[in-house]
């Protein structure tokens, strides 16, 4: 999954921020497992029934290096080029993955 996000973004000339992690969802908003949106095919998080987690890469027009503003919330790329982030929450069920945030 993570290598597919990276491969797709980079094949179109975009970057994927490494400093922001995706995470599990459970009784708390941010839970284990945490994982990056980049990686090598066949490595990383192994999906299992019962898991609920986010996919929320930040895709950048330039560098994938980032900084957080003094407000503690606003993320920017180090080169100040455009970036976008969107989040989905997914549950792995016996019938396959279910996107919980689909509209």
C-alpha atoms as a PDB file:
ATOM      1  CA  UNK A   1       0.000   0.000   0.000  1.00  0.00           C
ATOM      2  CA  UNK A   2       2.646   2.537   1.019  1.00  0.00           C
ATOM      3  CA  UNK A   3       4.883   1.785  -1.924  1.00  0.00           C
ATOM      4  CA  UNK A   4       1.881   2.185  -4.272  1.00  0.00           C
ATOM      5  CA  UNK A   5       1.196   5.695  -2.914  1.00  0.00           C
ATOM      6  CA  UNK A   6       4.838   6.683  -3.324  1.00  0.00           C
ATOM      7  CA  UNK A   7       5.197   5.073  -6.763  1.00  0.00           C
ATOM      8  CA  UNK A   8       2.058   6.783  -8.081  1.00  0.00           C
ATOM      9  CA  UNK A   9       2.935  10.237  -6.733  1.00  0.00           C
ATOM     10  CA  UNK A  10       6.555  10.137  -7.841  1.00  0.00           C
ATOM     11  CA  UNK A  11       5.684   8.799 -11.306  1.00  0.00           C
ATOM     12  CA  UNK A  12       3.805  12.077 -11.841  1.00  0.00           C
ATOM     13  CA  UNK A  13       6.644  14.241 -10.517  1.00  0.00           C
ATOM     14  CA  UNK A  14       5.279  14.794  -7.006  1.00  0.00           C
ATOM     15  CA  UNK A  15       6.781  14.119  -3.583  1.00  0.00           C
ATOM     16  CA  UNK A  16       5.349  12.359  -0.522  1.00  0.00           C
ATOM     17  CA  UNK A  17       6.076  13.883   2.917  1.00  0.00           C
ATOM     18  CA  UNK A  18       7.931  11.480   5.188  1.00  0.00           C
ATOM     19  CA  UNK A  19       7.433  13.324   8.495  1.00  0.00           C
ATOM     20  CA  UNK A  20       3.658  12.819   8.826  1.00  0.00           C
ATOM     21  CA  UNK A  21       2.529   9.307   9.660  1.00  0.00           C
ATOM     22  CA  UNK A  22      -0.733   7.509   9.097  1.00  0.00           C
ATOM     23  CA  UNK A  23      -2.177   5.710  12.104  1.00  0.00           C
ATOM     24  CA  UNK A  24      -4.643   3.249  13.502  1.00  0.00           C
ATOM     25  CA  UNK A  25      -8.072   4.293  14.782  1.00  0.00           C
ATOM     26  CA  UNK A  26      -9.663   2.697  17.821  1.00  0.00           C
ATOM     27  CA  UNK A  27     -10.730   3.892  21.241  1.00  0.00           C
ATOM     28  CA  UNK A  28      -8.355   6.816  20.698  1.00  0.00           C
ATOM     29  CA  UNK A  29      -8.008   8.914  17.555  1.00  0.00           C
ATOM     30  CA  UNK A  30      -4.306   8.204  17.013  1.00  0.00           C
ATOM     31  CA  UNK A  31      -3.266   4.624  17.779  1.00  0.00           C
ATOM     32  CA  UNK A  32      -0.797   2.023  16.630  1.00  0.00           C
ATOM     33  CA  UNK A  33       0.077   1.058  14.069  1.00  0.00           C
ATOM     34  CA  UNK A  34       1.731   4.142  12.661  1.00  0.00           C
ATOM     35  CA  UNK A  35       3.301   3.954   9.230  1.00  0.00           C
ATOM     36  CA  UNK A  36       4.772   6.076   6.467  1.00  0.00           C
ATOM     37  CA  UNK A  37       3.194   6.597   3.044  1.00  0.00           C
ATOM     38  CA  UNK A  38       6.418   5.538   1.350  1.00  0.00           C
ATOM     39  CA  UNK A  39       8.243   2.232   1.297  1.00  0.00           C
ATOM     40  CA  UNK A  40       9.403  -0.801  -0.611  1.00  0.00           C
ATOM     41  CA  UNK A  41       6.930  -3.199  -2.283  1.00  0.00           C
ATOM     42  CA  UNK A  42       6.110  -6.180  -0.073  1.00  0.00           C
ATOM     43  CA  UNK A  43       7.406  -4.512   3.105  1.00  0.00           C
ATOM     44  CA  UNK A  44       5.643  -2.598   5.847  1.00  0.00           C
ATOM     45  CA  UNK A  45       2.199  -2.866   7.387  1.00  0.00           C
ATOM     46  CA  UNK A  46       0.450  -6.210   6.824  1.00  0.00           C
ATOM     47  CA  UNK A  47      -3.318  -5.724   6.711  1.00  0.00           C
ATOM     48  CA  UNK A  48      -5.473  -8.005   8.886  1.00  0.00           C
ATOM     49  CA  UNK A  49      -9.206  -8.307   9.491  1.00  0.00           C
ATOM     50  CA  UNK A  50     -10.341  -5.989  12.289  1.00  0.00           C
ATOM     51  CA  UNK A  51      -7.830  -3.242  11.580  1.00  0.00           C
ATOM     52  CA  UNK A  52      -9.093   0.326  11.212  1.00  0.00           C
ATOM     53  CA  UNK A  53      -6.583   2.886  10.017  1.00  0.00           C
ATOM     54  CA  UNK A  54      -6.088   6.077   8.037  1.00  0.00           C
ATOM     55  CA  UNK A  55      -4.523   6.736   4.680  1.00  0.00           C
ATOM     56  CA  UNK A  56      -3.533  10.398   4.633  1.00  0.00           C
ATOM     57  CA  UNK A  57      -0.474  11.187   2.542  1.00  0.00           C
ATOM     58  CA  UNK A  58       0.642  14.753   1.978  1.00  0.00           C
ATOM     59  CA  UNK A  59       1.537  15.032  -1.708  1.00  0.00           C
ATOM     60  CA  UNK A  60       3.876  17.857  -2.662  1.00  0.00           C
ATOM     61  CA  UNK A  61       4.679  19.798  -5.797  1.00  0.00           C
ATOM     62  CA  UNK A  62       8.333  20.047  -4.777  1.00  0.00           C
ATOM     63  CA  UNK A  63      10.373  18.691  -1.909  1.00  0.00           C
ATOM     64  CA  UNK A  64       8.955  16.247   0.617  1.00  0.00           C
ATOM     65  CA  UNK A  65      10.768  18.047   3.453  1.00  0.00           C
ATOM     66  CA  UNK A  66       8.348  20.009   5.622  1.00  0.00           C
ATOM     67  CA  UNK A  67       8.018  22.316   8.585  1.00  0.00           C
ATOM     68  CA  UNK A  68       5.227  23.095  11.056  1.00  0.00           C
ATOM     69  CA  UNK A  69       4.253  26.740  11.643  1.00  0.00           C
ATOM     70  CA  UNK A  70       4.387  28.242  15.172  1.00  0.00           C
ATOM     71  CA  UNK A  71       0.629  27.601  15.480  1.00  0.00           C
ATOM     72  CA  UNK A  72       1.550  23.906  15.898  1.00  0.00           C
ATOM     73  CA  UNK A  73      -0.857  22.841  13.157  1.00  0.00           C
ATOM     74  CA  UNK A  74      -0.113  24.352   9.740  1.00  0.00           C
ATOM     75  CA  UNK A  75       2.266  22.178   7.694  1.00  0.00           C
ATOM     76  CA  UNK A  76       4.312  23.608   4.835  1.00  0.00           C
ATOM     77  CA  UNK A  77       6.938  22.245   2.504  1.00  0.00           C
ATOM     78  CA  UNK A  78      10.443  23.607   3.048  1.00  0.00           C
ATOM     79  CA  UNK A  79      10.440  25.071  -0.487  1.00  0.00           C
ATOM     80  CA  UNK A  80       6.953  26.635   0.006  1.00  0.00           C
ATOM     81  CA  UNK A  81       5.561  24.905  -3.078  1.00  0.00           C
ATOM     82  CA  UNK A  82       2.008  23.590  -3.170  1.00  0.00           C
ATOM     83  CA  UNK A  83       1.003  20.514  -1.173  1.00  0.00           C
ATOM     84  CA  UNK A  84      -2.276  18.722  -0.560  1.00  0.00           C
ATOM     85  CA  UNK A  85      -3.450  16.224   2.034  1.00  0.00           C
ATOM     86  CA  UNK A  86      -6.622  14.187   2.157  1.00  0.00           C
ATOM     87  CA  UNK A  87      -7.584  11.488   4.617  1.00  0.00           C
ATOM     88  CA  UNK A  88      -9.643   8.335   4.402  1.00  0.00           C
ATOM     89  CA  UNK A  89     -10.372   5.882   7.199  1.00  0.00           C
ATOM     90  CA  UNK A  90     -10.504   2.231   6.165  1.00  0.00           C
ATOM     91  CA  UNK A  91     -11.665  -0.897   7.981  1.00  0.00           C
ATOM     92  CA  UNK A  92     -10.403  -4.333   6.982  1.00  0.00           C
ATOM     93  CA  UNK A  93     -13.393  -6.684   7.163  1.00  0.00           C
ATOM     94  CA  UNK A  94     -13.996 -10.344   6.306  1.00  0.00           C
ATOM     95  CA  UNK A  95     -15.545  -9.081   3.048  1.00  0.00           C
ATOM     96  CA  UNK A  96     -12.531  -6.907   2.195  1.00  0.00           C
ATOM     97  CA  UNK A  97     -11.599  -3.289   2.827  1.00  0.00           C
ATOM     98  CA  UNK A  98     -14.362  -0.802   3.546  1.00  0.00           C
ATOM     99  CA  UNK A  99     -13.757   2.937   3.171  1.00  0.00           C
ATOM    100  CA  UNK A 100     -15.528   4.438   6.184  1.00  0.00           C
ATOM    101  CA  UNK A 101     -15.143   8.044   5.032  1.00  0.00           C
ATOM    102  CA  UNK A 102     -16.509   7.508   1.498  1.00  0.00           C
ATOM    103  CA  UNK A 103     -19.322   9.858   0.580  1.00  0.00           C
END
